[in-house]
Protein backbone atom coordinates (compact mmCIF):
# COMPACT_ATOMS: atom_id res chain seq x y z
CA UNK A 1 0.20 0.01 -0.07
CA UNK A 2 1.29 3.59 -0.62
CA UNK A 3 -0.02 6.93 0.91
CA UNK A 4 0.73 9.93 -1.63
CA UNK A 5 -0.77 12.80 0.63
CA UNK A 6 -0.10 15.82 1.95
CA UNK A 7 0.93 15.85 6.13
CA UNK A 8 1.62 12.20 5.77
CA UNK A 9 5.05 9.96 5.38
CA UNK A 10 5.00 8.10 2.57
CA UNK A 11 5.46 4.10 2.97
CA UNK A 12 4.92 0.97 2.66
CA UNK A 13 4.36 -2.26 5.01
CA UNK A 14 5.29 -4.84 5.48
CA UNK A 15 3.88 -7.61 7.04
CA UNK A 16 5.95 -10.42 9.02
CA UNK A 17 5.58 -13.34 11.11
CA UNK A 18 6.09 -12.99 14.74
CA UNK A 19 9.42 -15.06 15.22
CA UNK A 20 10.80 -12.87 12.91
CA UNK A 21 9.89 -9.31 13.79
CA UNK A 22 12.69 -8.53 16.52
CA UNK A 23 14.87 -9.88 14.31
CA UNK A 24 13.43 -7.48 11.69
CA UNK A 25 12.86 -4.83 13.48
CA UNK A 26 17.14 -4.68 15.03
CA UNK A 27 17.77 -4.99 11.05
CA UNK A 28 16.39 -1.73 10.28
CA UNK A 29 17.35 0.15 13.76
CA UNK A 30 21.35 -0.65 12.29
CA UNK A 31 20.52 0.40 8.41
CA UNK A 32 18.25 3.11 8.28
CA UNK A 33 18.57 4.50 5.23
CA UNK A 34 17.84 1.82 2.84
CA UNK A 35 15.29 0.71 5.72
CA UNK A 36 13.88 3.64 7.88
CA UNK A 37 11.75 2.15 10.95
CA UNK A 38 8.40 4.35 11.31
CA UNK A 39 6.13 2.11 13.24
CA UNK A 40 6.35 -1.37 15.09
CA UNK A 41 2.68 -3.11 15.34
CA UNK A 42 1.91 -5.75 18.47
CA UNK A 43 0.78 -8.94 17.51
CA UNK A 44 -2.32 -8.44 15.51
CA UNK A 45 -3.21 -4.99 16.18
CA UNK A 46 -4.97 -3.78 12.81
CA UNK A 47 -4.58 -0.24 12.16
CA UNK A 48 -1.94 2.45 13.07
CA UNK A 49 -1.44 6.00 11.45
CA UNK A 50 2.02 4.96 11.00
CA UNK A 51 3.37 2.97 8.00
CA UNK A 52 7.37 1.89 7.76
CA UNK A 53 8.92 2.57 3.97
CA UNK A 54 10.16 -1.42 4.30
CA UNK A 55 11.76 -3.61 1.95
CA UNK A 56 13.38 -7.07 2.11
CA UNK A 57 14.77 -9.52 0.46
CA UNK A 58 14.28 -13.12 2.54
CA UNK A 59 16.75 -16.48 2.03
CA UNK A 60 15.85 -18.79 4.12
CA UNK A 61 15.32 -17.09 6.51
CA UNK A 62 17.66 -14.58 6.49
CA UNK A 63 17.34 -10.78 5.86
CA UNK A 64 19.96 -9.02 3.29
CA UNK A 65 19.46 -5.70 1.64
CA UNK A 66 18.82 -5.67 -1.99
CA UNK A 67 22.23 -3.92 -4.00
CA UNK A 68 21.38 -0.82 -5.88
CA UNK A 69 20.42 2.52 -5.06
CA UNK A 70 18.09 5.49 -6.54
CA UNK A 71 19.25 7.29 -8.77
CA UNK A 72 18.77 11.06 -9.88
CA UNK A 73 21.48 13.22 -11.99
CA UNK A 74 21.20 16.42 -10.37
CA UNK A 75 23.80 19.71 -12.05
CA UNK A 76 26.98 20.51 -10.20
CA UNK A 77 25.83 23.44 -8.32
CA UNK A 78 22.95 22.39 -7.01
CA UNK A 79 24.62 19.28 -5.54
CA UNK A 80 24.43 21.01 -2.11
CA UNK A 81 21.22 21.55 -2.27
CA UNK A 82 19.84 18.18 -2.83
CA UNK A 83 22.02 17.44 0.53
CA UNK A 84 21.02 20.00 1.96
CA UNK A 85 17.19 19.28 1.40
CA UNK A 86 17.16 15.52 1.60
CA UNK A 87 19.18 15.20 4.60
CA UNK A 88 15.93 16.40 6.91
CA UNK A 89 14.12 13.31 5.66
CA UNK A 90 15.56 10.40 7.73
CA UNK A 91 13.19 9.25 7.27
CA UNK A 92 12.50 9.15 3.44
CA UNK A 93 16.73 7.50 3.16
CA UNK A 94 17.89 11.17 3.95
CA UNK A 95 20.95 12.50 2.17
CA UNK A 96 22.79 10.62 -0.95
CA UNK A 97 25.17 7.49 -0.05
CA UNK A 98 27.17 8.06 -3.06
CA UNK A 99 27.25 11.04 -5.46
CA UNK A 100 30.17 10.33 -8.63
CA UNK A 101 30.53 7.79 -10.69
CA UNK A 102 28.30 4.68 -10.61
CA UNK A 103 30.96 2.08 -11.33
CA UNK A 104 32.35 2.76 -7.67
CA UNK A 105 29.19 1.03 -6.83
CA UNK A 106 29.39 -1.38 -9.48
CA UNK A 107 27.38 -0.11 -11.74
CA UNK A 108 28.22 -0.03 -15.34
CA UNK A 109 25.41 0.95 -17.61
CA UNK A 110 22.37 3.84 -15.81
CA UNK A 111 20.44 3.42 -18.72
CA UNK A 112 19.83 -0.80 -18.12
CA UNK A 113 18.44 -0.06 -14.50
CA UNK A 114 16.69 -2.83 -12.08
CA UNK A 115 13.90 -1.13 -10.56
CA UNK A 116 12.40 1.93 -12.80
CA UNK A 117 12.27 3.86 -16.18
CA UNK A 118 16.15 5.26 -16.86
CA UNK A 119 16.50 9.23 -16.45
CA UNK A 120 18.73 11.02 -19.06
CA UNK A 121 21.24 13.23 -17.53
CA UNK A 122 21.98 16.73 -19.02
CA UNK A 123 25.18 17.97 -19.42
CA UNK A 124 26.55 18.84 -16.21
CA UNK A 125 24.56 16.63 -14.56
CA UNK A 126 26.29 14.54 -11.52
CA UNK A 127 24.93 10.72 -10.61
CA UNK A 128 23.54 11.14 -6.69
CA UNK A 129 22.31 7.97 -4.96
CA UNK A 130 20.38 7.30 -2.60
CA UNK A 131 19.64 4.39 -0.62
CA UNK A 132 15.82 2.89 -0.89
CA UNK A 133 14.32 0.09 -0.93
CA UNK A 134 13.65 -2.50 -3.70
CA UNK A 135 10.38 -1.21 -4.90
CA UNK A 136 12.51 2.55 -5.72
CA UNK A 137 9.92 4.84 -4.59
CA UNK A 138 9.90 8.55 -3.80
CA UNK A 139 10.80 11.08 -1.68
CA UNK A 140 7.98 11.89 0.64
CA UNK A 141 6.22 15.06 0.47
CA UNK A 142 7.30 16.34 3.95
CA UNK A 143 8.67 15.43 6.76
CA UNK A 144 7.82 14.19 9.87
CA UNK A 145 8.45 14.89 13.27
CA UNK A 146 9.16 11.80 15.50
CA UNK A 147 11.78 9.74 15.30
CA UNK A 148 15.64 10.81 15.58
CA UNK A 149 16.38 14.09 13.82
CA UNK A 150 19.33 13.96 11.28
CA UNK A 151 22.86 14.77 11.41
CA UNK A 152 24.09 18.18 11.44
CA UNK A 153 23.92 19.66 7.65
CA UNK A 154 26.14 18.00 4.66
CA UNK A 155 28.54 19.92 2.50
CA UNK A 156 29.83 18.15 -0.59
CA UNK A 157 33.04 18.31 -2.61
CA UNK A 158 34.49 16.47 -5.50
CA UNK A 159 37.79 14.77 -4.38
CA UNK A 160 38.19 13.65 -7.78
CA UNK A 161 37.25 13.48 -11.55
CA UNK A 162 38.91 9.97 -12.84
CA UNK A 163 37.01 8.50 -11.88
CA UNK A 164 34.40 11.21 -10.55
CA UNK A 165 34.06 11.08 -6.51
CA UNK A 166 32.18 13.28 -3.92
CA UNK A 167 31.97 13.19 -0.56
CA UNK A 168 29.72 14.38 2.40
CA UNK A 169 30.33 15.96 5.96
CA UNK A 170 28.57 17.63 8.08
CA UNK A 171 29.23 22.23 8.88
CA UNK A 172 30.79 21.44 11.67
CA UNK A 173 33.27 19.41 10.70
CA UNK A 174 34.14 21.40 7.59
CA UNK A 175 34.10 24.33 10.16
CA UNK A 176 36.38 22.23 12.39
CA UNK A 177 38.70 21.53 10.23
CA UNK A 178 38.79 24.62 8.24
CA UNK A 179 39.74 26.04 11.51
CA UNK A 180 43.21 23.45 11.92
CA UNK A 181 44.29 24.56 8.23
CA UNK A 182 44.39 28.47 10.02
CA UNK A 183 46.28 27.19 12.12
CA UNK A 184 48.98 25.45 10.71
CA UNK A 185 49.74 28.16 7.91
CA UNK A 186 50.79 30.26 10.59
CA UNK A 187 54.01 31.46 9.74
CA UNK A 188 56.31 32.24 12.81
CA UNK A 189 59.50 31.38 10.54
CA UNK A 190 58.58 34.01 8.51
CA UNK A 191 59.28 32.36 5.35
CA UNK A 192 56.40 34.29 3.47
CA UNK A 193 54.16 30.95 3.13
CA UNK A 194 50.91 32.54 2.72
CA UNK A 195 51.54 33.52 -0.43
CA UNK A 196 51.16 29.37 -1.78
CA UNK A 197 48.13 28.51 0.88
CA UNK A 198 45.49 26.82 -1.34
CA UNK A 199 42.10 26.91 0.76
CA UNK A 200 40.50 23.38 1.92
CA UNK A 201 43.47 21.32 0.58
CA UNK A 202 43.21 19.94 3.89
CA UNK A 203 40.47 19.27 4.30
CA UNK A 204 39.91 17.64 0.69
CA UNK A 205 43.07 15.68 1.35
CA UNK A 206 41.34 13.99 5.09
CA UNK A 207 37.74 13.25 3.52
CA UNK A 208 40.36 10.81 0.48
CA UNK A 209 41.95 9.81 2.97
CA UNK A 210 38.99 8.94 5.44
CA UNK A 211 37.87 6.89 2.21
CA UNK A 212 41.00 4.99 0.70
CA UNK A 213 41.80 1.63 3.08
CA UNK A 214 45.54 1.62 1.94
CA UNK A 215 48.07 4.37 2.38
CA UNK A 216 51.71 4.72 1.73
CA UNK A 217 52.89 7.45 3.35
CA UNK A 218 56.78 8.89 2.27
CA UNK A 219 59.45 11.48 4.39
CA UNK A 220 63.41 12.56 4.15
CA UNK A 221 64.52 15.62 3.40
CA UNK A 222 68.36 15.93 2.98
CA UNK A 223 68.86 18.61 3.46
CA UNK A 224 72.28 18.85 5.55
CA UNK A 225 74.07 16.94 2.85
CA UNK A 226 77.18 17.37 5.23
CA UNK A 227 76.22 15.30 8.09
CA UNK A 228 75.35 11.44 9.07
CA UNK A 229 72.36 11.37 8.90
CA UNK A 230 71.72 14.56 6.57
CA UNK A 231 67.78 14.50 7.38
CA UNK A 232 65.79 17.07 9.42
CA UNK A 233 63.90 16.90 12.26
CA UNK A 234 60.60 18.13 10.05
CA UNK A 235 58.70 15.55 8.25
CA UNK A 236 59.48 11.82 10.39
CA UNK A 237 56.86 13.23 13.43
CA UNK A 238 54.48 13.99 10.90
CA UNK A 239 54.15 10.71 8.58
CA UNK A 240 53.93 8.92 12.43
CA UNK A 241 51.49 11.07 13.63
CA UNK A 242 49.44 10.35 10.07
CA UNK A 243 50.29 6.49 10.21
CA UNK A 244 49.04 6.39 13.84
CA UNK A 245 45.51 7.35 13.14
CA UNK A 246 45.12 5.58 9.92
CA UNK A 247 46.27 2.46 12.10
CA UNK A 248 43.93 3.34 14.34
CA UNK A 249 41.46 4.02 12.24
CA UNK A 250 41.96 0.20 10.58
CA UNK A 251 43.52 1.15 7.46
CA UNK A 252 46.88 -0.45 6.28
CA UNK A 253 49.48 1.78 6.12
CA UNK A 254 53.48 1.42 4.32
CA UNK A 255 56.30 3.87 4.80
CA UNK A 256 58.45 4.54 1.50
CA UNK A 257 62.30 5.24 2.60
CA UNK A 258 65.06 6.24 0.56
CA UNK A 259 67.47 3.02 0.23
CA UNK A 260 70.59 5.83 2.27
CA UNK A 261 67.75 6.41 5.36
CA UNK A 262 66.56 2.68 4.83
CA UNK A 263 68.09 1.35 8.62
CA UNK A 264 67.25 5.04 10.55
CA UNK A 265 64.00 5.50 9.19
CA UNK A 266 63.24 1.64 10.66
CA UNK A 267 65.44 2.26 13.73
CA UNK A 268 62.67 4.85 14.41
CA UNK A 269 59.90 3.16 13.86
CA UNK A 270 61.36 0.24 15.96
CA UNK A 271 61.86 3.02 18.28
CA UNK A 272 58.62 4.70 17.97
CA UNK A 273 56.24 1.72 18.72
CA UNK A 274 57.98 1.04 21.90
CA UNK A 275 57.59 4.30 23.57
CA UNK A 276 54.03 3.91 22.01
CA UNK A 277 53.95 7.11 19.74
CA UNK A 278 52.94 4.52 17.36
CA UNK A 279 50.01 2.12 18.07
CA UNK A 280 52.01 -1.19 16.20
CA UNK A 281 54.59 -1.74 13.55
CA UNK A 282 54.85 -0.25 10.30
CA UNK A 283 56.12 -1.95 6.92
CA UNK A 284 59.02 0.21 5.39
CA UNK A 285 59.74 -0.92 1.65
CA UNK A 286 62.13 0.80 -1.20
CA UNK A 287 61.30 1.98 -4.55
CA UNK A 288 63.94 2.25 -6.98
CA UNK A 289 64.11 2.98 -10.74
CA UNK A 290 63.97 -0.23 -12.49
CA UNK A 291 62.31 0.53 -15.54
CA UNK A 292 59.43 2.73 -16.98
CA UNK A 293 56.38 0.76 -15.90
CA UNK A 294 58.58 0.46 -12.19
CA UNK A 295 56.49 2.83 -10.35
CA UNK A 296 52.66 1.20 -12.07
CA UNK A 297 54.54 -2.35 -11.09
CA UNK A 298 55.38 -0.92 -7.87
CA UNK A 299 51.86 1.24 -6.78
CA UNK A 300 49.99 -2.12 -8.32
CA UNK A 301 49.10 -5.77 -8.16
CA UNK A 302 51.16 -7.64 -11.04
CA UNK A 303 51.67 -4.56 -12.47
CA UNK A 304 47.70 -3.97 -13.84
CA UNK A 305 45.99 -0.75 -12.82
CA UNK A 306 42.99 -1.73 -12.31
CA UNK A 307 43.82 -3.83 -9.35
CA UNK A 308 45.68 -0.88 -6.91
CA UNK A 309 48.11 -1.95 -3.98
CA UNK A 310 47.31 1.72 -2.50
CA UNK A 311 44.14 4.05 -2.92
CA UNK A 312 46.28 7.46 -1.48
CA UNK A 313 49.91 8.03 -1.83
CA UNK A 314 50.97 11.19 0.69
CA UNK A 315 54.41 12.96 0.94
CA UNK A 316 55.53 14.93 3.60
CA UNK A 317 58.63 17.23 4.07
CA UNK A 318 59.51 14.93 1.14
CA UNK A 319 62.59 16.52 -1.25
CA UNK A 320 60.91 17.39 -4.49
CA UNK A 321 62.45 17.12 -8.23
CA UNK A 322 62.30 20.45 -9.64
CA UNK A 323 61.96 21.29 -12.96
CA UNK A 324 65.83 20.70 -14.71
CA UNK A 325 65.38 17.01 -12.93
CA UNK A 326 67.43 17.93 -9.83
CA UNK A 327 66.71 18.28 -5.83
CA UNK A 328 66.99 21.49 -3.77
CA UNK A 329 67.59 22.85 -0.30
CA UNK A 330 65.80 26.01 0.09
CA UNK A 331 69.20 27.20 0.18
CA UNK A 332 69.56 26.19 -3.46
CA UNK A 333 72.02 23.10 -3.50
CA UNK A 334 71.51 20.62 -5.45
CA UNK A 335 70.98 17.18 -2.97
CA UNK A 336 69.93 14.78 -5.93
CA UNK A 337 72.34 12.37 -5.02
CA UNK A 338 70.47 11.59 -1.69
CA UNK A 339 66.57 11.64 -2.94
CA UNK A 340 65.59 8.62 -4.55
CA UNK A 341 62.55 8.91 -7.49
CA UNK A 342 59.65 8.61 -5.09
CA UNK A 343 58.24 11.75 -7.68
CA UNK A 344 57.57 8.61 -9.95
CA UNK A 345 54.53 7.28 -8.34
CA UNK A 346 53.32 10.30 -7.73
CA UNK A 347 53.81 11.10 -11.64
CA UNK A 348 52.34 7.65 -12.19
CA UNK A 349 49.38 7.60 -9.78
CA UNK A 350 47.61 11.06 -11.84
CA UNK A 351 47.47 7.54 -14.26
CA UNK A 352 45.61 5.19 -12.55
CA UNK A 353 42.39 5.76 -11.32
CA UNK A 354 42.06 4.89 -7.51
CA UNK A 355 44.78 6.44 -6.73
CA UNK A 356 45.02 10.34 -4.80
CA UNK A 357 47.84 11.73 -3.52
CA UNK A 358 48.55 14.46 -0.60
CA UNK A 359 52.00 16.45 -0.82
CA UNK A 360 52.94 18.85 2.10
CA UNK A 361 55.30 21.10 2.83
CA UNK A 362 56.68 24.49 4.18
CA UNK A 363 58.43 25.85 1.05
CA UNK A 364 57.24 24.51 -2.25
CA UNK A 365 60.22 22.61 -3.06
CA UNK A 366 58.95 19.41 -1.73
CA UNK A 367 57.05 16.93 -3.21
CA UNK A 368 53.95 17.49 -4.24
CA UNK A 369 53.82 21.32 -3.84
CA UNK A 370 54.42 21.26 -7.98
CA UNK A 371 50.82 22.16 -7.61
CA UNK A 372 51.23 25.38 -6.86
CA UNK A 373 54.73 25.62 -8.59
CA UNK A 374 53.91 28.65 -10.41
CA UNK A 375 52.72 30.47 -7.00
CA UNK A 376 56.52 29.33 -5.91
CA UNK A 377 58.73 30.24 -8.50
CA UNK A 378 57.44 34.19 -8.51
CA UNK A 379 56.95 34.10 -4.85
CA UNK A 380 59.74 32.24 -2.70
CA UNK A 381 63.10 32.66 -2.72
CA UNK A 382 65.02 31.26 -5.04
CA UNK A 383 61.74 29.16 -6.69
CA UNK A 384 62.82 29.98 -9.98
CA UNK A 385 65.01 27.34 -9.16
CA UNK A 386 64.09 25.45 -6.22
CA UNK A 387 59.93 24.28 -6.67
CA UNK A 388 59.13 21.15 -6.84
CA UNK A 389 57.43 20.36 -10.22
CA UNK A 390 55.66 17.32 -8.99
CA UNK A 391 52.03 18.09 -8.13
CA UNK A 392 50.08 16.08 -6.15
CA UNK A 393 45.85 16.36 -5.98
CA UNK A 394 45.70 17.53 -2.57
CA UNK A 395 48.93 20.03 -1.68
CA UNK A 396 48.50 21.77 2.47
CA UNK A 397 51.20 24.26 2.56
CA UNK A 398 52.18 24.72 6.71
CA UNK A 399 54.44 26.78 8.66
CA UNK A 400 56.64 23.34 9.21
CA UNK A 401 55.16 20.12 7.78
CA UNK A 402 54.93 18.31 10.82
CA UNK A 403 52.46 20.94 11.77
CA UNK A 404 50.09 19.71 8.57
CA UNK A 405 50.67 15.53 9.42
CA UNK A 406 49.43 16.48 13.09
CA UNK A 407 46.05 18.31 11.26
CA UNK A 408 45.92 15.74 8.79
CA UNK A 409 45.33 12.87 11.79
CA UNK A 410 42.37 15.36 13.57
CA UNK A 411 40.55 16.28 10.66
CA UNK A 412 40.20 12.35 10.13
CA UNK A 413 39.18 11.87 13.50
CA UNK A 414 36.48 14.32 13.14
CA UNK A 415 35.62 13.09 10.23
CA UNK A 416 35.62 9.41 11.99
CA UNK A 417 33.01 10.96 14.36
CA UNK A 418 31.01 12.59 12.00
CA UNK A 419 27.73 11.14 11.86
CA UNK A 420 27.27 12.22 8.33
CA UNK A 421 30.13 11.44 6.75
CA UNK A 422 30.53 7.73 7.81
CA UNK A 423 26.57 7.60 7.04
CA UNK A 424 28.34 8.78 3.49
CA UNK A 425 31.17 6.48 3.96
CA UNK A 426 29.17 3.28 4.84
CA UNK A 427 26.42 3.39 1.96
CA UNK A 428 23.56 3.90 4.90
CA UNK A 429 24.43 0.43 5.96
CA UNK A 430 24.76 -0.90 8.93
CA UNK A 431 25.16 2.68 11.29
CA UNK A 432 24.67 1.61 14.82
CA UNK A 433 24.91 5.12 17.14
CA UNK A 434 27.26 5.70 19.16
CA UNK A 435 30.36 3.17 18.64
CA UNK A 436 31.39 1.47 21.68
CA UNK A 437 33.55 2.35 24.07
CA UNK A 438 36.58 0.65 22.78
CA UNK A 439 36.21 1.89 19.30
CA UNK A 440 35.97 5.38 20.79
CA UNK A 441 39.25 4.93 23.45
CA UNK A 442 41.07 4.15 19.81
CA UNK A 443 41.04 6.59 17.85
CA UNK A 444 41.48 9.44 20.49
CA UNK A 445 44.85 7.29 21.12
CA UNK A 446 45.54 7.76 17.48
CA UNK A 447 45.30 11.67 17.45
CA UNK A 448 49.06 13.19 18.15
CA UNK A 449 49.70 14.26 21.62
CA UNK A 450 53.03 16.88 23.30
CA UNK A 451 54.20 13.81 25.30
CA UNK A 452 54.03 11.83 22.35
CA UNK A 453 55.78 14.26 20.16
CA UNK A 454 58.31 15.68 22.21
CA UNK A 455 59.21 11.23 23.32
CA UNK A 456 59.85 11.25 19.03
CA UNK A 457 61.24 14.02 18.68
CA UNK A 458 63.69 13.43 21.24
CA UNK A 459 64.81 10.10 19.48
CA UNK A 460 65.12 11.76 16.43
CA UNK A 461 67.42 13.76 18.19
CA UNK A 462 68.85 10.91 19.92
CA UNK A 463 69.79 9.00 16.49
CA UNK A 464 71.80 12.33 14.67
CA UNK A 465 69.01 14.26 13.21
CA UNK A 466 69.14 17.89 13.06
CA UNK A 467 67.01 20.85 13.12
CA UNK A 468 66.21 21.78 9.30
CA UNK A 469 66.87 25.54 9.63
CA UNK A 470 69.90 26.01 11.83
CA UNK A 471 71.08 22.13 11.92
CA UNK A 472 71.72 22.34 15.41
CA UNK A 473 70.79 19.13 17.44
CA UNK A 474 68.57 19.78 19.67
CA UNK A 475 64.86 19.63 20.48
CA UNK A 476 63.85 21.76 17.24
CA UNK A 477 62.21 21.90 14.03
CA UNK A 478 63.00 24.58 11.72
CA UNK A 479 64.64 26.86 14.32
CA UNK A 480 61.89 26.71 16.16
CA UNK A 481 62.54 24.94 20.02
CA UNK A 482 59.14 21.72 20.76
CA UNK A 483 58.50 24.43 23.95
CA UNK A 484 56.86 26.70 23.30
CA UNK A 485 56.64 26.78 19.83
CA UNK A 486 55.49 23.12 18.18
CA UNK A 487 54.15 22.07 22.34
CA UNK A 488 51.71 25.03 22.19
CA UNK A 489 50.57 24.59 18.33
CA UNK A 490 49.94 20.85 18.90
CA UNK A 491 47.44 21.80 22.07
CA UNK A 492 45.77 24.15 19.84
CA UNK A 493 44.77 21.50 17.28
CA UNK A 494 43.37 19.78 19.74
CA UNK A 495 41.68 21.70 21.65
CA UNK A 496 39.88 22.67 18.55
CA UNK A 497 39.75 18.66 17.80
CA UNK A 498 38.03 18.15 21.29
CA UNK A 499 35.59 20.93 21.08
CA UNK A 500 31.87 21.07 21.57
């Protein structure tokens, strides 16, 4: 039966044997997007003003959700409006569960829907999918005041063009991540980085990383070429902070190292695990250029671009290749002899659907900063020479690169606790409300802290790693002492992250 009248909730009625009712009710409450539950009658009750929009498949007495969803093409400029309007109707499937390429849902041909008639998209339209029952019913005309309210207003953001993929996050989470971005873009070292900061790169990177399941992180800037080791204290702390949060979210993490720094980086990872800075060991690998397909074989199983090994690459304070093929520190000194061609992985990833990239830097000569190379060339000291030529999809500019790693960790935590984003990630399925305490504790423990970052910096100093700007073997990064500069900034990031 279908009711279609102003002032009522459009719905379906499903009659079940009483023995199945309790399990089916729990099933609906855990999958509220396709199966919004309005009312459960008592046994023998024959009339009620409430009905439920329920569609289900039965197989040998077990409940299972049908594949697919309800699609409507939406003009790009109307995406946020469509999201904001529909999220206010949680009992009519709520906000979209996917925006972009249908193939990412396993749908190969939109012209052949399993239910209903095909819709003819117009130029500029984007496929938008809502959860639905098997009957693919239309959205309701008005909202019901009963039941829990929707999550905070979500906004949509395009993450990639090929394949086309959007993501959602609540206005509250977006606002907080933008606050994090403002904090890490401060410039206490007076490098003039404000000229090369791009807005929302932190937000987009965090959204893409939240969608990822396997992430490779690389760092290493051998600016002190006359010392052994030549590396600096900026980079490894931010890399480990991101790795720790990603691990707490259940994602696979791999670290990619220069061959010359392999033993040092392994020792640092071991120390980080022993001291509790890193929750678990992380695989450490190297990359060598052994031919034209080396990068693709590294990134994809059997060199097959349809089987990527990673879905996101992150470079933080990593030497970036300049237009002339060399690698320069901020003084314009060529350090190519100390750098492996990990840039090739970022170049190859551009041609592999499903792999996105992030670069984090503080001067414009870091891997990934090629996204704003024209700004770097014209606005940064020695920019014409040192500017990295290799872009990342998302380029986060910070006063100190480590800060970008801390901010990414905080941003991922915010998205993990954002109901709108989690609903979208899970396609509206398996939503159980508040996370169990042990999960929340694991995510919280994945955040950076003043104590953890101070501990890891002391480990770097103990292994002979020096401050980037001064070369001092001391508790400082880029000439800025840990207390008060770095410790206070970490505290500010955490304050924004935990604020209500």
